[in-house]
């Protein structure tokens, strides 16, 4: 939501470094890397509901800090905290869906769920741009304080626990009060599970690779928006916010298309084979990577040859359609593969993509200053093309990796 306000923020705090401006955006993503390390084991022991409440109120407090920031360091720390809090729902989403939704309907539901964070990340800047233009950048944060406060209050009354083991545990009135040592032992076990998945589960490692590249590219793009459309095309803060309609349309088209096709393909496999496998969810992974590569090159060269601003934005739409294809392959695949323990797998994916998604875009100004947008984005697009064949191999042979007892860590 603050991306269009970045030029004003760095101006108010008298900072002129492009890296500081990029960090102000990406530090929120870096915060996403720490939260899952705590959320994943905690949800196995205490359920989903308490963590959602913690997320809501921590986000409210951190956003309030942003609105009241008196210097750049305070604002960056507060932005990091909003990332830590904001990551919790993204880690728990797969668990909620595994708890509540039958396998055959998860593709569409996952698409609907994903529209929240994905469209939020592109609609927010539209609102933030005009708030910044008319009321100042602090009101971009004050508006979030109001909304998140209402959400946190509503969550107290509306959210219910869905994790069956915790529900049964609470209903067991004869259960003895646990000692500290007994509580720490399962917590430590749950904490180690994501580490084991990150180092010993090929399907989690490959999944994290694909979704990390998709998100890194998205953040490469959005960190260029304020400077590119502000300086190069002469947009004001409100108009920079409107730029985010382009990725929003891409996400919307991608989620509707790939979400529906995911369940359709699963039903088709069940009809022809009498069963379906989690790997059937991966059919959109290859076309998603191709669309990302094409969109990155389109975006870069449209800027390089200095044509109308609508052309680079069309390229961005292709990128976000491709990201939707990758997301709706990986997230349902992990959900179907790990069931109620999916929070561990999603935690690994979230940590990896957040670390790289937060840090690598900081190299964007240097990359584009040396190679230009055309060659720089061509390099990024070629990387997506190089890894795209692994999507086909994953689709065909992922089942063998998933069922191999040597790779069972949960």
Protein backbone atom coordinates (compact mmCIF):
# COMPACT_ATOMS: atom_id res chain seq x y z
CA UNK A 1 0.00 0.00 0.00
CA UNK A 2 2.93 2.34 0.60
CA UNK A 3 4.78 1.73 -2.67
CA UNK A 4 3.45 4.88 -4.41
CA UNK A 5 4.34 6.86 -1.27
CA UNK A 6 8.00 5.80 -1.21
CA UNK A 7 9.32 8.91 -3.03
CA UNK A 8 7.55 11.16 -0.50
CA UNK A 9 8.69 9.09 2.48
CA UNK A 10 12.36 9.11 1.50
CA UNK A 11 12.04 12.83 0.78
CA UNK A 12 10.51 13.57 4.18
CA UNK A 13 13.24 11.60 5.94
CA UNK A 14 15.91 13.18 3.72
CA UNK A 15 17.21 9.97 2.17
CA UNK A 16 18.23 9.82 -1.49
CA UNK A 17 19.56 6.24 -1.76
CA UNK A 18 17.69 4.01 -4.26
CA UNK A 19 18.62 1.00 -2.10
CA UNK A 20 16.91 2.53 0.94
CA UNK A 21 13.79 3.12 -1.13
CA UNK A 22 13.86 -0.51 -2.31
CA UNK A 23 14.50 -1.73 1.26
CA UNK A 24 11.46 0.15 2.50
CA UNK A 25 9.37 -2.04 0.21
CA UNK A 26 11.23 -5.34 0.52
CA UNK A 27 11.83 -5.31 4.30
CA UNK A 28 8.16 -6.22 4.71
CA UNK A 29 8.85 -9.35 2.65
CA UNK A 30 11.97 -10.15 4.69
CA UNK A 31 9.73 -10.15 7.77
CA UNK A 32 7.80 -12.97 6.13
CA UNK A 33 10.89 -15.17 6.54
CA UNK A 34 10.95 -15.15 10.34
CA UNK A 35 7.29 -15.65 11.21
CA UNK A 36 6.88 -19.14 9.68
CA UNK A 37 9.72 -20.52 11.83
CA UNK A 38 7.50 -19.91 14.87
CA UNK A 39 4.06 -20.34 13.33
CA UNK A 40 4.64 -23.78 11.85
CA UNK A 41 5.47 -25.60 15.11
CA UNK A 42 3.08 -23.52 17.21
CA UNK A 43 0.01 -24.33 15.08
CA UNK A 44 0.67 -28.07 15.51
CA UNK A 45 0.50 -27.64 19.29
CA UNK A 46 -1.99 -24.85 19.90
CA UNK A 47 -4.12 -24.80 16.75
CA UNK A 48 -4.77 -22.22 14.06
CA UNK A 49 -7.08 -19.86 15.94
CA UNK A 50 -4.72 -18.41 18.59
CA UNK A 51 -2.12 -17.68 15.94
CA UNK A 52 -4.62 -15.78 13.80
CA UNK A 53 -5.49 -13.58 16.78
CA UNK A 54 -1.79 -12.94 17.45
CA UNK A 55 -1.30 -12.07 13.78
CA UNK A 56 -4.21 -9.62 13.77
CA UNK A 57 -3.13 -7.68 16.85
CA UNK A 58 0.59 -7.76 16.07
CA UNK A 59 -0.14 -6.36 12.61
CA UNK A 60 -2.31 -3.65 14.16
CA UNK A 61 0.48 -2.62 16.56
CA UNK A 62 3.19 -2.65 13.87
CA UNK A 63 1.07 -0.60 11.47
CA UNK A 64 0.44 1.93 14.22
CA UNK A 65 4.23 2.17 14.65
CA UNK A 66 4.55 2.86 10.92
CA UNK A 67 2.04 5.69 11.10
CA UNK A 68 3.86 7.25 14.07
CA UNK A 69 7.42 6.77 12.76
CA UNK A 70 9.74 9.71 13.29
CA UNK A 71 12.71 8.44 11.26
CA UNK A 72 13.58 5.93 8.56
CA UNK A 73 15.03 3.34 10.94
CA UNK A 74 11.85 3.25 13.02
CA UNK A 75 9.75 2.90 9.88
CA UNK A 76 11.89 0.07 8.48
CA UNK A 77 11.71 -1.83 11.80
CA UNK A 78 7.94 -1.38 11.92
CA UNK A 79 7.63 -2.55 8.31
CA UNK A 80 9.64 -5.65 9.21
CA UNK A 81 7.18 -6.35 12.05
CA UNK A 82 4.19 -6.00 9.72
CA UNK A 83 5.79 -8.67 7.55
CA UNK A 84 6.25 -11.01 10.51
CA UNK A 85 2.60 -10.58 11.46
CA UNK A 86 1.28 -10.68 7.91
CA UNK A 87 2.98 -13.98 7.09
CA UNK A 88 0.91 -15.93 9.62
CA UNK A 89 -2.30 -16.19 7.55
CA UNK A 90 -0.29 -17.22 4.48
CA UNK A 91 1.28 -20.10 6.42
CA UNK A 92 -2.05 -21.19 7.92
CA UNK A 93 -4.08 -20.98 4.70
CA UNK A 94 -3.12 -24.47 3.53
CA UNK A 95 -3.96 -25.87 6.94
CA UNK A 96 -7.41 -24.27 6.99
CA UNK A 97 -8.16 -25.61 3.52
CA UNK A 98 -6.88 -29.10 4.40
CA UNK A 99 -9.06 -29.04 7.54
CA UNK A 100 -12.26 -27.90 5.84
CA UNK A 101 -12.28 -28.61 2.09
CA UNK A 102 -12.44 -31.99 0.25
CA UNK A 103 -9.53 -32.71 -2.09
CA UNK A 104 -11.54 -32.33 -5.30
CA UNK A 105 -12.65 -28.78 -4.48
CA UNK A 106 -9.39 -27.35 -3.18
CA UNK A 107 -8.22 -25.78 -6.44
CA UNK A 108 -11.09 -23.30 -6.69
CA UNK A 109 -11.09 -22.59 -2.96
CA UNK A 110 -7.32 -22.03 -2.98
CA UNK A 111 -7.78 -19.60 -5.87
CA UNK A 112 -10.46 -17.65 -3.97
CA UNK A 113 -8.33 -17.58 -0.83
CA UNK A 114 -5.24 -16.48 -2.75
CA UNK A 115 -7.08 -13.54 -4.30
CA UNK A 116 -6.97 -11.85 -0.89
CA UNK A 117 -3.19 -11.49 -0.43
CA UNK A 118 -2.42 -11.32 -4.14
CA UNK A 119 -5.01 -8.70 -5.07
CA UNK A 120 -4.39 -6.92 -1.77
CA UNK A 121 -0.77 -6.41 -2.74
CA UNK A 122 -1.81 -4.64 -5.93
CA UNK A 123 -5.09 -2.93 -4.96
CA UNK A 124 -3.55 -1.52 -1.78
CA UNK A 125 -1.13 0.73 -3.71
CA UNK A 126 -4.02 2.17 -5.71
CA UNK A 127 -5.70 3.32 -2.51
CA UNK A 128 -2.38 4.28 -0.93
CA UNK A 129 -1.39 6.36 -3.94
CA UNK A 130 -4.40 8.64 -3.74
CA UNK A 131 -4.31 8.80 0.06
CA UNK A 132 -0.69 9.93 -0.20
CA UNK A 133 -1.52 12.46 -2.89
CA UNK A 134 -4.42 14.02 -0.99
CA UNK A 135 -3.74 13.42 2.71
CA UNK A 136 -0.05 12.52 3.05
CA UNK A 137 1.78 9.20 3.28
CA UNK A 138 0.98 8.63 6.95
CA UNK A 139 -2.69 8.21 6.07
CA UNK A 140 -1.77 5.17 4.01
CA UNK A 141 -0.87 3.60 7.36
CA UNK A 142 -3.68 5.17 9.39
CA UNK A 143 -6.23 3.67 7.00
CA UNK A 144 -4.68 0.23 7.58
CA UNK A 145 -4.80 0.81 11.35
CA UNK A 146 -8.55 1.40 11.09
CA UNK A 147 -9.20 -1.64 8.89
CA UNK A 148 -6.90 -4.02 10.78
CA UNK A 149 -8.35 -2.90 14.11
CA UNK A 150 -11.86 -3.74 12.92
CA UNK A 151 -10.61 -7.05 11.53
CA UNK A 152 -8.88 -7.99 14.79
CA UNK A 153 -12.03 -7.24 16.77
CA UNK A 154 -14.22 -9.22 14.38
CA UNK A 155 -11.83 -12.17 14.50
CA UNK A 156 -12.33 -12.58 18.24
CA UNK A 157 -16.02 -13.35 17.68
CA UNK A 158 -15.96 -15.04 14.27
CA UNK A 159 -12.91 -17.31 14.09
CA UNK A 160 -13.26 -20.93 15.21
CA UNK A 161 -10.63 -23.62 15.65
CA UNK A 162 -10.43 -26.12 12.74
CA UNK A 163 -7.36 -28.25 13.58
CA UNK A 164 -8.87 -31.58 14.66
CA UNK A 165 -6.05 -32.84 16.94
CA UNK A 166 -6.21 -29.64 19.00
CA UNK A 167 -10.03 -29.70 19.12
CA UNK A 168 -9.97 -33.29 20.41
CA UNK A 169 -7.25 -32.43 22.88
CA UNK A 170 -9.31 -29.59 24.32
CA UNK A 171 -12.37 -31.81 24.60
CA UNK A 172 -10.46 -34.42 26.55
CA UNK A 173 -11.42 -33.32 30.04
CA UNK A 174 -9.37 -36.06 31.67
CA UNK A 175 -6.10 -34.92 30.15
CA UNK A 176 -3.56 -34.13 32.83
CA UNK A 177 -2.00 -30.71 33.05
CA UNK A 178 1.26 -30.99 31.10
CA UNK A 179 4.62 -30.14 32.61
CA UNK A 180 6.97 -27.66 30.98
CA UNK A 181 9.30 -30.43 29.82
CA UNK A 182 6.44 -32.30 28.15
CA UNK A 183 5.34 -29.15 26.34
CA UNK A 184 8.84 -28.28 25.16
CA UNK A 185 9.49 -31.72 23.72
CA UNK A 186 6.67 -31.69 21.12
CA UNK A 187 7.37 -28.03 20.37
CA UNK A 188 10.99 -28.84 19.62
CA UNK A 189 9.91 -31.78 17.46
CA UNK A 190 7.50 -29.57 15.54
CA UNK A 191 10.17 -26.89 15.18
CA UNK A 192 12.62 -29.38 13.65
CA UNK A 193 10.10 -30.68 11.07
CA UNK A 194 10.39 -27.68 8.69
CA UNK A 195 14.18 -27.91 8.86
CA UNK A 196 14.02 -31.58 7.89
CA UNK A 197 11.68 -30.81 5.01
CA UNK A 198 13.96 -28.03 3.78
CA UNK A 199 16.98 -30.34 3.65
CA UNK A 200 15.62 -33.84 3.05
CA UNK A 201 12.37 -33.54 1.07
CA UNK A 202 12.95 -33.10 -2.69
CA UNK A 203 9.33 -32.18 -3.37
CA UNK A 204 9.44 -29.34 -0.85
CA UNK A 205 12.82 -28.11 -2.14
CA UNK A 206 11.65 -28.11 -5.78
CA UNK A 207 8.35 -26.46 -4.83
CA UNK A 208 10.18 -23.75 -2.90
CA UNK A 209 12.49 -23.13 -5.88
CA UNK A 210 9.64 -22.53 -8.32
CA UNK A 211 7.53 -20.34 -6.07
CA UNK A 212 10.59 -18.37 -4.95
CA UNK A 213 11.55 -17.45 -8.51
CA UNK A 214 7.97 -16.38 -9.23
CA UNK A 215 7.77 -14.09 -6.21
CA UNK A 216 11.29 -12.68 -6.62
CA UNK A 217 10.36 -11.56 -10.12
CA UNK A 218 7.17 -9.93 -8.88
CA UNK A 219 9.10 -7.95 -6.27
CA UNK A 220 11.75 -7.06 -8.83
CA UNK A 221 8.97 -5.42 -10.81
CA UNK A 222 7.10 -3.62 -8.03
CA UNK A 223 10.28 -2.13 -6.55
CA UNK A 224 10.85 -0.41 -9.91
CA UNK A 225 7.35 1.07 -10.16
CA UNK A 226 7.80 4.27 -8.08
CA UNK A 227 11.01 5.35 -9.82
CA UNK A 228 10.12 4.14 -13.29
CA UNK A 229 6.61 5.55 -13.55
CA UNK A 230 7.35 8.58 -11.38
CA UNK A 231 10.58 9.73 -13.03
CA UNK A 232 10.45 8.15 -16.49
CA UNK A 233 6.75 8.57 -17.28
CA UNK A 234 6.03 11.53 -14.98
CA UNK A 235 3.21 9.93 -12.95
CA UNK A 236 2.13 11.43 -9.62
CA UNK A 237 1.50 9.31 -6.49
CA UNK A 238 -2.11 8.61 -7.39
CA UNK A 239 -1.27 7.60 -10.94
CA UNK A 240 1.55 5.34 -9.72
CA UNK A 241 -1.06 3.57 -7.58
CA UNK A 242 -3.23 2.99 -10.65
CA UNK A 243 -0.31 1.17 -12.28
CA UNK A 244 -1.13 -1.74 -9.97
CA UNK A 245 -4.36 -2.41 -11.85
CA UNK A 246 -2.19 -4.25 -14.38
CA UNK A 247 -0.84 -6.95 -12.03
CA UNK A 248 -4.26 -7.13 -10.36
CA UNK A 249 -5.92 -8.01 -13.67
CA UNK A 250 -3.24 -10.62 -14.30
CA UNK A 251 -3.80 -12.21 -10.92
CA UNK A 252 -7.57 -12.19 -11.40
CA UNK A 253 -7.39 -13.84 -14.83
CA UNK A 254 -4.79 -16.34 -13.65
CA UNK A 255 -6.61 -17.34 -10.49
CA UNK A 256 -9.96 -17.82 -12.23
CA UNK A 257 -8.40 -19.75 -15.13
CA UNK A 258 -5.90 -21.94 -13.32
CA UNK A 259 -8.09 -22.45 -10.24
CA UNK A 260 -10.96 -23.83 -12.34
CA UNK A 261 -8.65 -25.88 -14.56
CA UNK A 262 -6.93 -27.40 -11.52
CA UNK A 263 -10.15 -28.96 -10.18
CA UNK A 264 -11.31 -29.87 -13.71
CA UNK A 265 -8.08 -31.72 -14.43
CA UNK A 266 -8.26 -33.51 -11.09
CA UNK A 267 -11.84 -34.64 -11.77
CA UNK A 268 -10.83 -35.78 -15.26
CA UNK A 269 -8.00 -37.89 -13.86
CA UNK A 270 -10.36 -39.41 -11.31
CA UNK A 271 -12.81 -40.35 -14.06
CA UNK A 272 -10.20 -41.89 -16.37
CA UNK A 273 -8.04 -43.60 -13.73
CA UNK A 274 -10.43 -43.97 -10.83
CA UNK A 275 -8.06 -41.93 -8.65
CA UNK A 276 -5.96 -38.79 -8.62
CA UNK A 277 -2.52 -37.96 -7.27
CA UNK A 278 -1.22 -34.71 -5.74
CA UNK A 279 1.04 -34.37 -8.80
CA UNK A 280 -2.06 -33.78 -10.93
CA UNK A 281 -2.12 -30.29 -9.37
CA UNK A 282 1.21 -29.47 -11.06
CA UNK A 283 -0.08 -29.25 -14.63
CA UNK A 284 -0.13 -25.42 -14.52
CA UNK A 285 3.49 -25.15 -13.33
CA UNK A 286 5.11 -25.31 -16.77
CA UNK A 287 2.84 -22.78 -18.54
CA UNK A 288 3.14 -20.53 -15.51
CA UNK A 289 6.94 -20.42 -15.84
CA UNK A 290 6.71 -19.73 -19.57
CA UNK A 291 4.31 -16.83 -19.02
CA UNK A 292 6.61 -15.35 -16.37
CA UNK A 293 9.59 -15.50 -18.74
CA UNK A 294 7.66 -13.91 -21.62
CA UNK A 295 6.20 -11.22 -19.37
CA UNK A 296 9.58 -10.28 -17.87
CA UNK A 297 11.16 -9.81 -21.29
CA UNK A 298 8.11 -7.92 -22.56
CA UNK A 299 8.21 -5.59 -19.55
CA UNK A 300 11.94 -4.91 -19.84
CA UNK A 301 12.13 -4.24 -23.57
CA UNK A 302 8.98 -2.10 -23.57
CA UNK A 303 10.75 0.21 -21.13
CA UNK A 304 14.10 0.00 -22.91
CA UNK A 305 12.77 1.14 -26.28
CA UNK A 306 10.68 3.84 -24.55
CA UNK A 307 7.19 3.18 -25.88
CA UNK A 308 3.80 3.97 -24.36
CA UNK A 309 3.40 3.00 -20.69
CA UNK A 310 0.57 0.58 -21.52
CA UNK A 311 3.04 -1.86 -23.10
CA UNK A 312 5.22 -2.57 -20.03
CA UNK A 313 2.05 -2.91 -17.98
CA UNK A 314 0.75 -5.52 -20.43
CA UNK A 315 3.97 -7.45 -19.81
CA UNK A 316 3.40 -7.22 -16.06
CA UNK A 317 -0.05 -8.78 -16.52
CA UNK A 318 1.54 -11.77 -18.24
CA UNK A 319 3.98 -12.12 -15.34
CA UNK A 320 1.20 -12.20 -12.74
CA UNK A 321 -0.89 -14.64 -14.78
CA UNK A 322 2.17 -16.88 -14.76
CA UNK A 323 2.69 -16.40 -11.02
CA UNK A 324 -0.93 -17.48 -10.51
CA UNK A 325 -0.21 -20.67 -12.45
CA UNK A 326 2.84 -21.41 -10.30
CA UNK A 327 1.02 -20.59 -7.06
CA UNK A 328 -2.02 -22.72 -7.89
CA UNK A 329 0.25 -25.63 -8.78
CA UNK A 330 2.48 -25.52 -5.71
CA UNK A 331 0.08 -24.58 -2.89
CA UNK A 332 -2.62 -27.21 -3.63
CA UNK A 333 0.12 -29.77 -4.34
CA UNK A 334 1.68 -29.26 -0.92
CA UNK A 335 -1.76 -29.25 0.70
CA UNK A 336 -2.74 -32.56 -0.93
CA UNK A 337 0.67 -34.09 -0.19
CA UNK A 338 0.97 -33.17 3.49
CA UNK A 339 -2.66 -32.84 4.63
CA UNK A 340 -3.08 -31.47 8.15
CA UNK A 341 0.71 -31.06 8.44
CA UNK A 342 0.88 -28.78 5.40
CA UNK A 343 1.82 -25.79 7.57
CA UNK A 344 5.35 -27.21 7.85
CA UNK A 345 5.77 -27.45 4.07
CA UNK A 346 4.26 -24.03 3.42
CA UNK A 347 6.48 -22.57 6.15
CA UNK A 348 9.58 -23.77 4.28
CA UNK A 349 8.28 -22.32 1.02
CA UNK A 350 7.37 -19.02 2.68
CA UNK A 351 10.73 -18.64 4.44
CA UNK A 352 12.75 -19.30 1.29
CA UNK A 353 10.69 -17.08 -1.00
CA UNK A 354 10.62 -14.29 1.59
CA UNK A 355 14.38 -14.25 2.13
CA UNK A 356 15.14 -14.11 -1.57
CA UNK A 357 12.08 -12.01 -2.42
CA UNK A 358 13.16 -9.44 0.14
CA UNK A 359 16.90 -9.35 -0.57
CA UNK A 360 17.37 -9.98 -4.29
CA UNK A 361 15.21 -7.04 -5.48
CA UNK A 362 17.65 -4.78 -3.62
CA UNK A 363 20.09 -5.60 -6.42
CA UNK A 364 17.59 -4.34 -9.00
CA UNK A 365 18.86 -0.73 -9.21
CA UNK A 366 22.42 -1.97 -9.78
CA UNK A 367 21.31 -4.61 -12.31
CA UNK A 368 19.28 -2.16 -14.37
CA UNK A 369 21.90 0.59 -14.20
CA UNK A 370 24.53 -1.75 -15.67
CA UNK A 371 22.43 -3.77 -18.15
CA UNK A 372 19.34 -1.65 -18.69
CA UNK A 373 15.78 -2.88 -18.35
CA UNK A 374 15.89 -4.83 -21.61
CA UNK A 375 18.96 -6.99 -21.03
CA UNK A 376 18.37 -7.14 -17.27
CA UNK A 377 14.88 -8.56 -17.64
CA UNK A 378 15.98 -10.81 -20.49
CA UNK A 379 18.50 -12.36 -18.11
CA UNK A 380 15.76 -12.92 -15.53
CA UNK A 381 13.39 -14.29 -18.16
CA UNK A 382 16.00 -16.74 -19.45
CA UNK A 383 16.45 -18.09 -15.92
CA UNK A 384 12.71 -18.81 -15.77
CA UNK A 385 12.95 -20.57 -19.14
CA UNK A 386 15.92 -22.64 -17.99
CA UNK A 387 14.08 -24.02 -14.96
CA UNK A 388 10.77 -24.56 -16.79
CA UNK A 389 11.69 -28.12 -17.96
CA UNK A 390 12.04 -29.11 -14.31
CA UNK A 391 8.30 -28.39 -14.01
CA UNK A 392 7.58 -31.13 -16.57
CA UNK A 393 9.91 -33.56 -14.80
CA UNK A 394 8.31 -32.70 -11.46
CA UNK A 395 4.86 -33.28 -12.96
CA UNK A 396 5.86 -36.71 -14.28
CA UNK A 397 8.19 -38.05 -11.60
CA UNK A 398 7.14 -36.12 -8.50
CA UNK A 399 5.07 -39.07 -7.30
CA UNK A 400 8.15 -41.27 -7.06
CA UNK A 401 9.94 -38.66 -4.97
CA UNK A 402 6.90 -38.16 -2.75
CA UNK A 403 6.38 -41.86 -2.05
CA UNK A 404 10.05 -42.80 -1.71
CA UNK A 405 10.52 -43.89 1.94
CA UNK A 406 14.02 -42.38 1.93
CA UNK A 407 12.45 -38.92 1.75
CA UNK A 408 9.71 -39.36 4.38
CA UNK A 409 10.52 -36.95 7.19
CA UNK A 410 7.13 -36.45 8.90
